[in-house]
Amino acid sequence: MLITPNMTMLDVAMNATGTVESVFDILLVNDKSITDTPHIGDNYLIPADAATDSSQQQYLQDNKIIIATGNDPTLYIGISYWKVEVDFKIS
């Protein structure tokens, strides 16, 4: 499975198999941890014996839905996220 922007490990599992139960099988075969952040462009192996939900998988494919719930750090701009004397200068 090709990783796209803002995917978490749970997103990888949902997109690939239609269920989050498969996340640990996917992590094991790819030598990853649940806390790892998938990198855009990486290609993860999906084991044939991973748990699947075929109706959920079909729904995602039919509706061209890609689940990507991760955060984009470039979205955190503005005074609400600035730190005094780091991003926000006082003169």
PDB file of N, CA and C in Angstrom:
ATOM      1  N   MET A   1       0.846  -1.174   0.000  1.00  0.00           N
ATOM      2  CA  MET A   1       0.000   0.000   0.000  1.00  0.00           C
ATOM      3  C   MET A   1       0.889   1.234   0.000  1.00  0.00           C
ATOM      4  N   LEU A   2       0.624   2.143  -0.900  1.00  0.00           N
ATOM      5  CA  LEU A   2       1.385   3.373  -1.023  1.00  0.00           C
ATOM      6  C   LEU A   2       0.869   4.400  -0.014  1.00  0.00           C
ATOM      7  N   ILE A   3       1.775   4.997   0.736  1.00  0.00           N
ATOM      8  CA  ILE A   3       1.419   5.970   1.769  1.00  0.00           C
ATOM      9  C   ILE A   3       1.221   7.343   1.142  1.00  0.00           C
ATOM     10  N   THR A   4       0.107   7.986   1.494  1.00  0.00           N
ATOM     11  CA  THR A   4      -0.207   9.328   1.020  1.00  0.00           C
ATOM     12  C   THR A   4      -0.164  10.301   2.202  1.00  0.00           C
ATOM     13  N   PRO A   5      -0.209  11.605   1.950  1.00  0.00           N
ATOM     14  CA  PRO A   5      -0.075  12.583   3.038  1.00  0.00           C
ATOM     15  C   PRO A   5      -1.076  12.394   4.174  1.00  0.00           C
ATOM     16  N   ASN A   6      -0.597  12.649   5.383  1.00  0.00           N
ATOM     17  CA  ASN A   6      -1.386  12.664   6.625  1.00  0.00           C
ATOM     18  C   ASN A   6      -1.911  11.310   7.075  1.00  0.00           C
ATOM     19  N   MET A   7      -1.333  10.216   6.593  1.00  0.00           N
ATOM     20  CA  MET A   7      -1.769   8.891   7.041  1.00  0.00           C
ATOM     21  C   MET A   7      -1.099   8.509   8.350  1.00  0.00           C
ATOM     22  N   THR A   8      -1.876   7.899   9.223  1.00  0.00           N
ATOM     23  CA  THR A   8      -1.349   7.286  10.439  1.00  0.00           C
ATOM     24  C   THR A   8      -1.321   5.779  10.203  1.00  0.00           C
ATOM     25  N   MET A   9      -0.775   5.042  11.153  1.00  0.00           N
ATOM     26  CA  MET A   9      -0.735   3.590  11.007  1.00  0.00           C
ATOM     27  C   MET A   9      -2.155   2.996  10.979  1.00  0.00           C
ATOM     28  N   LEU A  10      -3.061   3.569  11.754  1.00  0.00           N
ATOM     29  CA  LEU A  10      -4.441   3.078  11.730  1.00  0.00           C
ATOM     30  C   LEU A  10      -5.104   3.382  10.390  1.00  0.00           C
ATOM     31  N   ASP A  11      -4.764   4.522   9.796  1.00  0.00           N
ATOM     32  CA  ASP A  11      -5.291   4.853   8.473  1.00  0.00           C
ATOM     33  C   ASP A  11      -4.818   3.838   7.437  1.00  0.00           C
ATOM     34  N   VAL A  12      -3.555   3.438   7.532  1.00  0.00           N
ATOM     35  CA  VAL A  12      -3.000   2.436   6.615  1.00  0.00           C
ATOM     36  C   VAL A  12      -3.835   1.160   6.712  1.00  0.00           C
ATOM     37  N   ALA A  13      -4.098   0.722   7.929  1.00  0.00           N
ATOM     38  CA  ALA A  13      -4.885  -0.499   8.133  1.00  0.00           C
ATOM     39  C   ALA A  13      -6.287  -0.364   7.563  1.00  0.00           C
ATOM     40  N   MET A  14      -6.950   0.746   7.847  1.00  0.00           N
ATOM     41  CA  MET A  14      -8.318   0.948   7.349  1.00  0.00           C
ATOM     42  C   MET A  14      -8.359   0.989   5.829  1.00  0.00           C
ATOM     43  N   ASN A  15      -7.452   1.726   5.233  1.00  0.00           N
ATOM     44  CA  ASN A  15      -7.439   1.844   3.776  1.00  0.00           C
ATOM     45  C   ASN A  15      -7.111   0.517   3.096  1.00  0.00           C
ATOM     46  N   ALA A  16      -6.219  -0.249   3.677  1.00  0.00           N
ATOM     47  CA  ALA A  16      -5.769  -1.497   3.049  1.00  0.00           C
ATOM     48  C   ALA A  16      -6.721  -2.664   3.269  1.00  0.00           C
ATOM     49  N   THR A  17      -7.333  -2.715   4.469  1.00  0.00           N
ATOM     50  CA  THR A  17      -8.122  -3.910   4.808  1.00  0.00           C
ATOM     51  C   THR A  17      -9.567  -3.625   5.206  1.00  0.00           C
ATOM     52  N   GLY A  18      -9.896  -2.360   5.434  1.00  0.00           N
ATOM     53  CA  GLY A  18     -11.249  -2.017   5.860  1.00  0.00           C
ATOM     54  C   GLY A  18     -11.478  -2.182   7.344  1.00  0.00           C
ATOM     55  N   THR A  19     -10.427  -2.493   8.104  1.00  0.00           N
ATOM     56  CA  THR A  19     -10.570  -2.673   9.545  1.00  0.00           C
ATOM     57  C   THR A  19      -9.276  -2.314  10.279  1.00  0.00           C
ATOM     58  N   VAL A  20      -9.424  -1.776  11.481  1.00  0.00           N
ATOM     59  CA  VAL A  20      -8.226  -1.423  12.254  1.00  0.00           C
ATOM     60  C   VAL A  20      -7.606  -2.641  12.921  1.00  0.00           C
ATOM     61  N   GLU A  21      -8.337  -3.743  13.013  1.00  0.00           N
ATOM     62  CA  GLU A  21      -7.801  -4.945  13.646  1.00  0.00           C
ATOM     63  C   GLU A  21      -6.549  -5.463  12.944  1.00  0.00           C
ATOM     64  N   SER A  22      -6.390  -5.127  11.677  1.00  0.00           N
ATOM     65  CA  SER A  22      -5.252  -5.614  10.910  1.00  0.00           C
ATOM     66  C   SER A  22      -3.970  -4.830  11.167  1.00  0.00           C
ATOM     67  N   VAL A  23      -4.052  -3.756  11.928  1.00  0.00           N
ATOM     68  CA  VAL A  23      -2.891  -2.876  12.101  1.00  0.00           C
ATOM     69  C   VAL A  23      -1.678  -3.622  12.646  1.00  0.00           C
ATOM     70  N   PHE A  24      -1.867  -4.518  13.586  1.00  0.00           N
ATOM     71  CA  PHE A  24      -0.719  -5.208  14.186  1.00  0.00           C
ATOM     72  C   PHE A  24      -0.073  -6.197  13.218  1.00  0.00           C
ATOM     73  N   ASP A  25      -0.884  -6.838  12.377  1.00  0.00           N
ATOM     74  CA  ASP A  25      -0.323  -7.710  11.344  1.00  0.00           C
ATOM     75  C   ASP A  25       0.521  -6.893  10.365  1.00  0.00           C
ATOM     76  N   ILE A  26       0.010  -5.738   9.965  1.00  0.00           N
ATOM     77  CA  ILE A  26       0.727  -4.861   9.035  1.00  0.00           C
ATOM     78  C   ILE A  26       2.012  -4.339   9.673  1.00  0.00           C
ATOM     79  N   LEU A  27       1.943  -3.962  10.943  1.00  0.00           N
ATOM     80  CA  LEU A  27       3.131  -3.464  11.648  1.00  0.00           C
ATOM     81  C   LEU A  27       4.212  -4.536  11.724  1.00  0.00           C
ATOM     82  N   LEU A  28       3.822  -5.750  12.041  1.00  0.00           N
ATOM     83  CA  LEU A  28       4.789  -6.839  12.172  1.00  0.00           C
ATOM     84  C   LEU A  28       5.512  -7.130  10.863  1.00  0.00           C
ATOM     85  N   VAL A  29       4.765  -7.242   9.791  1.00  0.00           N
ATOM     86  CA  VAL A  29       5.373  -7.604   8.513  1.00  0.00           C
ATOM     87  C   VAL A  29       6.254  -6.474   7.949  1.00  0.00           C
ATOM     88  N   ASN A  30       5.987  -5.232   8.372  1.00  0.00           N
ATOM     89  CA  ASN A  30       6.771  -4.093   7.888  1.00  0.00           C
ATOM     90  C   ASN A  30       7.794  -3.609   8.908  1.00  0.00           C
ATOM     91  N   ASP A  31       7.932  -4.333  10.024  1.00  0.00           N
ATOM     92  CA  ASP A  31       8.891  -3.989  11.079  1.00  0.00           C
ATOM     93  C   ASP A  31       8.714  -2.540  11.559  1.00  0.00           C
ATOM     94  N   LYS A  32       7.463  -2.194  11.867  1.00  0.00           N
ATOM     95  CA  LYS A  32       7.115  -0.847  12.322  1.00  0.00           C
ATOM     96  C   LYS A  32       6.462  -0.908  13.688  1.00  0.00           C
ATOM     97  N   SER A  33       6.327   0.261  14.314  1.00  0.00           N
ATOM     98  CA  SER A  33       5.678   0.394  15.612  1.00  0.00           C
ATOM     99  C   SER A  33       4.389   1.195  15.434  1.00  0.00           C
ATOM    100  N   ILE A  34       3.451   1.024  16.338  1.00  0.00           N
ATOM    101  CA  ILE A  34       2.178   1.747  16.285  1.00  0.00           C
ATOM    102  C   ILE A  34       2.397   3.255  16.384  1.00  0.00           C
ATOM    103  N   THR A  35       3.503   3.666  16.975  1.00  0.00           N
ATOM    104  CA  THR A  35       3.786   5.101  17.120  1.00  0.00           C
ATOM    105  C   THR A  35       4.589   5.675  15.955  1.00  0.00           C
ATOM    106  N   ASP A  36       5.013   4.834  15.014  1.00  0.00           N
ATOM    107  CA  ASP A  36       5.739   5.329  13.850  1.00  0.00           C
ATOM    108  C   ASP A  36       4.814   6.148  12.957  1.00  0.00           C
ATOM    109  N   THR A  37       5.378   7.148  12.330  1.00  0.00           N
ATOM    110  CA  THR A  37       4.640   7.954  11.363  1.00  0.00           C
ATOM    111  C   THR A  37       4.996   7.462   9.962  1.00  0.00           C
ATOM    112  N   PRO A  38       4.006   7.014   9.212  1.00  0.00           N
ATOM    113  CA  PRO A  38       4.293   6.578   7.848  1.00  0.00           C
ATOM    114  C   PRO A  38       4.796   7.760   7.011  1.00  0.00           C
ATOM    115  N   HIS A  39       5.760   7.512   6.158  1.00  0.00           N
ATOM    116  CA  HIS A  39       6.320   8.569   5.314  1.00  0.00           C
ATOM    117  C   HIS A  39       5.712   8.498   3.920  1.00  0.00           C
ATOM    118  N   ILE A  40       5.362   9.654   3.403  1.00  0.00           N
ATOM    119  CA  ILE A  40       4.752   9.744   2.083  1.00  0.00           C
ATOM    120  C   ILE A  40       5.639   9.041   1.057  1.00  0.00           C
ATOM    121  N   GLY A  41       5.023   8.194   0.269  1.00  0.00           N
ATOM    122  CA  GLY A  41       5.739   7.473  -0.778  1.00  0.00           C
ATOM    123  C   GLY A  41       6.225   6.100  -0.368  1.00  0.00           C
ATOM    124  N   ASP A  42       6.255   5.816   0.954  1.00  0.00           N
ATOM    125  CA  ASP A  42       6.621   4.470   1.391  1.00  0.00           C
ATOM    126  C   ASP A  42       5.566   3.489   0.888  1.00  0.00           C
ATOM    127  N   ASN A  43       5.970   2.260   0.709  1.00  0.00           N
ATOM    128  CA  ASN A  43       5.060   1.226   0.258  1.00  0.00           C
ATOM    129  C   ASN A  43       5.031   0.114   1.303  1.00  0.00           C
ATOM    130  N   TYR A  44       3.918  -0.055   1.990  1.00  0.00           N
ATOM    131  CA  TYR A  44       3.791  -1.047   3.050  1.00  0.00           C
ATOM    132  C   TYR A  44       3.229  -2.352   2.502  1.00  0.00           C
ATOM    133  N   LEU A  45       3.772  -3.456   2.974  1.00  0.00           N
ATOM    134  CA  LEU A  45       3.252  -4.774   2.626  1.00  0.00           C
ATOM    135  C   LEU A  45       2.011  -5.054   3.468  1.00  0.00           C
ATOM    136  N   ILE A  46       1.021  -5.652   2.859  1.00  0.00           N
ATOM    137  CA  ILE A  46      -0.206  -6.035   3.563  1.00  0.00           C
ATOM    138  C   ILE A  46      -0.268  -7.559   3.534  1.00  0.00           C
ATOM    139  N   PRO A  47      -0.167  -8.201   4.715  1.00  0.00           N
ATOM    140  CA  PRO A  47      -0.171  -9.666   4.731  1.00  0.00           C
ATOM    141  C   PRO A  47      -1.509 -10.238   4.263  1.00  0.00           C
ATOM    142  N   ALA A  48      -1.437 -11.345   3.565  1.00  0.00           N
ATOM    143  CA  ALA A  48      -2.640 -11.988   3.017  1.00  0.00           C
ATOM    144  C   ALA A  48      -3.590 -12.455   4.118  1.00  0.00           C
ATOM    145  N   ASP A  49      -3.031 -12.785   5.296  1.00  0.00           N
ATOM    146  CA  ASP A  49      -3.875 -13.299   6.381  1.00  0.00           C
ATOM    147  C   ASP A  49      -4.344 -12.213   7.343  1.00  0.00           C
ATOM    148  N   ALA A  50      -4.161 -10.933   6.989  1.00  0.00           N
ATOM    149  CA  ALA A  50      -4.606  -9.835   7.850  1.00  0.00           C
ATOM    150  C   ALA A  50      -6.131  -9.811   7.897  1.00  0.00           C
ATOM    151  N   ALA A  51      -6.664  -9.404   9.048  1.00  0.00           N
ATOM    152  CA  ALA A  51      -8.112  -9.289   9.200  1.00  0.00           C
ATOM    153  C   ALA A  51      -8.648  -8.272   8.197  1.00  0.00           C
ATOM    154  N   THR A  52      -9.791  -8.584   7.580  1.00  0.00           N
ATOM    155  CA  THR A  52     -10.372  -7.671   6.601  1.00  0.00           C
ATOM    156  C   THR A  52     -11.870  -7.528   6.822  1.00  0.00           C
ATOM    157  N   ASP A  53     -12.384  -6.428   6.365  1.00  0.00           N
ATOM    158  CA  ASP A  53     -13.823  -6.185   6.327  1.00  0.00           C
ATOM    159  C   ASP A  53     -14.125  -5.827   4.873  1.00  0.00           C
ATOM    160  N   SER A  54     -14.527  -6.822   4.102  1.00  0.00           N
ATOM    161  CA  SER A  54     -14.677  -6.628   2.656  1.00  0.00           C
ATOM    162  C   SER A  54     -15.744  -5.598   2.300  1.00  0.00           C
ATOM    163  N   SER A  55     -16.809  -5.490   3.101  1.00  0.00           N
ATOM    164  CA  SER A  55     -17.849  -4.504   2.787  1.00  0.00           C
ATOM    165  C   SER A  55     -17.315  -3.081   3.016  1.00  0.00           C
ATOM    166  N   GLN A  56     -16.545  -2.885   4.065  1.00  0.00           N
ATOM    167  CA  GLN A  56     -15.946  -1.572   4.331  1.00  0.00           C
ATOM    168  C   GLN A  56     -14.909  -1.237   3.263  1.00  0.00           C
ATOM    169  N   GLN A  57     -14.113  -2.215   2.894  1.00  0.00           N
ATOM    170  CA  GLN A  57     -13.113  -2.043   1.848  1.00  0.00           C
ATOM    171  C   GLN A  57     -13.777  -1.648   0.529  1.00  0.00           C
ATOM    172  N   GLN A  58     -14.839  -2.324   0.193  1.00  0.00           N
ATOM    173  CA  GLN A  58     -15.565  -2.038  -1.045  1.00  0.00           C
ATOM    174  C   GLN A  58     -16.160  -0.636  -1.018  1.00  0.00           C
ATOM    175  N   TYR A  59     -16.708  -0.233   0.128  1.00  0.00           N
ATOM    176  CA  TYR A  59     -17.287   1.104   0.262  1.00  0.00           C
ATOM    177  C   TYR A  59     -16.222   2.180   0.028  1.00  0.00           C
ATOM    178  N   LEU A  60     -15.053   2.006   0.639  1.00  0.00           N
ATOM    179  CA  LEU A  60     -13.974   2.978   0.463  1.00  0.00           C
ATOM    180  C   LEU A  60     -13.547   3.055  -0.995  1.00  0.00           C
ATOM    181  N   GLN A  61     -13.410   1.917  -1.639  1.00  0.00           N
ATOM    182  CA  GLN A  61     -12.992   1.883  -3.044  1.00  0.00           C
ATOM    183  C   GLN A  61     -14.057   2.483  -3.958  1.00  0.00           C
ATOM    184  N   ASP A  62     -15.313   2.102  -3.755  1.00  0.00           N
ATOM    185  CA  ASP A  62     -16.405   2.595  -4.604  1.00  0.00           C
ATOM    186  C   ASP A  62     -16.539   4.111  -4.532  1.00  0.00           C
ATOM    187  N   ASN A  63     -16.319   4.662  -3.350  1.00  0.00           N
ATOM    188  CA  ASN A  63     -16.487   6.100  -3.143  1.00  0.00           C
ATOM    189  C   ASN A  63     -15.176   6.879  -3.218  1.00  0.00           C
ATOM    190  N   LYS A  64     -14.104   6.183  -3.618  1.00  0.00           N
ATOM    191  CA  LYS A  64     -12.777   6.794  -3.771  1.00  0.00           C
ATOM    192  C   LYS A  64     -12.359   7.573  -2.518  1.00  0.00           C
ATOM    193  N   ILE A  65     -12.564   6.936  -1.367  1.00  0.00           N
ATOM    194  CA  ILE A  65     -12.230   7.535  -0.080  1.00  0.00           C
ATOM    195  C   ILE A  65     -10.865   7.036   0.371  1.00  0.00           C
ATOM    196  N   ILE A  66      -9.998   7.958   0.729  1.00  0.00           N
ATOM    197  CA  ILE A  66      -8.713   7.619   1.333  1.00  0.00           C
ATOM    198  C   ILE A  66      -8.704   8.235   2.721  1.00  0.00           C
ATOM    199  N   ILE A  67      -8.610   7.394   3.735  1.00  0.00           N
ATOM    200  CA  ILE A  67      -8.615   7.875   5.111  1.00  0.00           C
ATOM    201  C   ILE A  67      -7.222   8.382   5.455  1.00  0.00           C
ATOM    202  N   ALA A  68      -7.161   9.621   5.930  1.00  0.00           N
ATOM    203  CA  ALA A  68      -5.888  10.246   6.312  1.00  0.00           C
ATOM    204  C   ALA A  68      -6.170  11.225   7.443  1.00  0.00           C
ATOM    205  N   THR A  69      -6.103  10.724   8.671  1.00  0.00           N
ATOM    206  CA  THR A  69      -6.486  11.528   9.832  1.00  0.00           C
ATOM    207  C   THR A  69      -5.316  12.184  10.550  1.00  0.00           C
ATOM    208  N   GLY A  70      -4.106  12.031  10.021  1.00  0.00           N
ATOM    209  CA  GLY A  70      -2.937  12.615  10.667  1.00  0.00           C
ATOM    210  C   GLY A  70      -2.932  14.129  10.574  1.00  0.00           C
ATOM    211  N   ASN A  71      -2.055  14.729  11.330  1.00  0.00           N
ATOM    212  CA  ASN A  71      -1.942  16.185  11.348  1.00  0.00           C
ATOM    213  C   ASN A  71      -0.910  16.666  10.348  1.00  0.00           C
ATOM    214  N   ASP A  72      -1.197  17.774   9.725  1.00  0.00           N
ATOM    215  CA  ASP A  72      -0.246  18.445   8.847  1.00  0.00           C
ATOM    216  C   ASP A  72       0.333  19.615   9.628  1.00  0.00           C
ATOM    217  N   PRO A  73       1.597  19.527  10.064  1.00  0.00           N
ATOM    218  CA  PRO A  73       2.168  20.583  10.899  1.00  0.00           C
ATOM    219  C   PRO A  73       2.215  21.948  10.221  1.00  0.00           C
ATOM    220  N   THR A  74       2.109  21.998   8.907  1.00  0.00           N
ATOM    221  CA  THR A  74       2.121  23.302   8.235  1.00  0.00           C
ATOM    222  C   THR A  74       0.813  24.048   8.431  1.00  0.00           C
ATOM    223  N   LEU A  75      -0.211  23.354   8.940  1.00  0.00           N
ATOM    224  CA  LEU A  75      -1.482  24.015   9.196  1.00  0.00           C
ATOM    225  C   LEU A  75      -1.469  24.815  10.492  1.00  0.00           C
ATOM    226  N   TYR A  76      -0.512  24.551  11.355  1.00  0.00           N
ATOM    227  CA  TYR A  76      -0.461  25.198  12.651  1.00  0.00           C
ATOM    228  C   TYR A  76       0.287  26.515  12.554  1.00  0.00           C
ATOM    229  N   ILE A  77      -0.401  27.511  12.041  1.00  0.00           N
ATOM    230  CA  ILE A  77       0.190  28.836  11.933  1.00  0.00           C
ATOM    231  C   ILE A  77      -0.733  29.846  12.593  1.00  0.00           C
ATOM    232  N   GLY A  78      -0.201  30.975  12.912  1.00  0.00           N
ATOM    233  CA  GLY A  78      -1.007  32.028  13.520  1.00  0.00           C
ATOM    234  C   GLY A  78      -0.726  32.166  14.994  1.00  0.00           C
ATOM    235  N   ILE A  79      -1.285  33.185  15.575  1.00  0.00           N
ATOM    236  CA  ILE A  79      -0.983  33.555  16.962  1.00  0.00           C
ATOM    237  C   ILE A  79      -1.360  32.465  17.965  1.00  0.00           C
ATOM    238  N   SER A  80      -2.344  31.650  17.649  1.00  0.00           N
ATOM    239  CA  SER A  80      -2.752  30.583  18.575  1.00  0.00           C
ATOM    240  C   SER A  80      -1.664  29.533  18.762  1.00  0.00           C
ATOM    241  N   TYR A  81      -0.756  29.414  17.793  1.00  0.00           N
ATOM    242  CA  TYR A  81       0.281  28.394  17.851  1.00  0.00           C
ATOM    243  C   TYR A  81       1.682  28.963  18.030  1.00  0.00           C
ATOM    244  N   TRP A  82       1.813  30.275  17.961  1.00  0.00           N
ATOM    245  CA  TRP A  82       3.123  30.896  18.085  1.00  0.00           C
ATOM    246  C   TRP A  82       3.581  30.913  19.530  1.00  0.00           C
ATOM    247  N   LYS A  83       4.881  30.819  19.725  1.00  0.00           N
ATOM    248  CA  LYS A  83       5.476  30.921  21.057  1.00  0.00           C
ATOM    249  C   LYS A  83       6.137  32.287  21.187  1.00  0.00           C
ATOM    250  N   VAL A  84       5.937  32.913  22.325  1.00  0.00           N
ATOM    251  CA  VAL A  84       6.520  34.228  22.569  1.00  0.00           C
ATOM    252  C   VAL A  84       8.039  34.133  22.488  1.00  0.00           C
ATOM    253  N   GLU A  85       8.637  35.071  21.773  1.00  0.00           N
ATOM    254  CA  GLU A  85      10.077  35.191  21.550  1.00  0.00           C
ATOM    255  C   GLU A  85      10.653  34.065  20.685  1.00  0.00           C
ATOM    256  N   VAL A  86       9.809  33.199  20.154  1.00  0.00           N
ATOM    257  CA  VAL A  86      10.281  32.207  19.195  1.00  0.00           C
ATOM    258  C   VAL A  86       9.678  32.553  17.841  1.00  0.00           C
ATOM    259  N   ASP A  87       8.348  32.402  17.724  1.00  0.00           N
ATOM    260  CA  ASP A  87       7.650  32.749  16.499  1.00  0.00           C
ATOM    261  C   ASP A  87       7.055  34.151  16.586  1.00  0.00           C
ATOM    262  N   PHE A  88       6.683  34.514  17.785  1.00  0.00           N
ATOM    263  CA  PHE A  88       6.006  35.772  18.034  1.00  0.00           C
ATOM    264  C   PHE A  88       6.965  36.706  18.749  1.00  0.00           C
ATOM    265  N   LYS A  89       7.439  37.707  18.026  1.00  0.00           N
ATOM    266  CA  LYS A  89       8.443  38.628  18.573  1.00  0.00           C
ATOM    267  C   LYS A  89       7.775  39.830  19.237  1.00  0.00           C
ATOM    268  N   ILE A  90       8.234  40.139  20.441  1.00  0.00           N
ATOM    269  CA  ILE A  90       7.750  41.311  21.166  1.00  0.00           C
ATOM    270  C   ILE A  90       8.832  42.364  21.123  1.00  0.00           C
ATOM    271  N   SER A  91       8.462  43.565  20.703  1.00  0.00           N
ATOM    272  CA  SER A  91       9.472  44.631  20.649  1.00  0.00           C
ATOM    273  C   SER A  91       9.035  45.832  21.456  1.00  0.00           C
TER     274      SER A  91
END
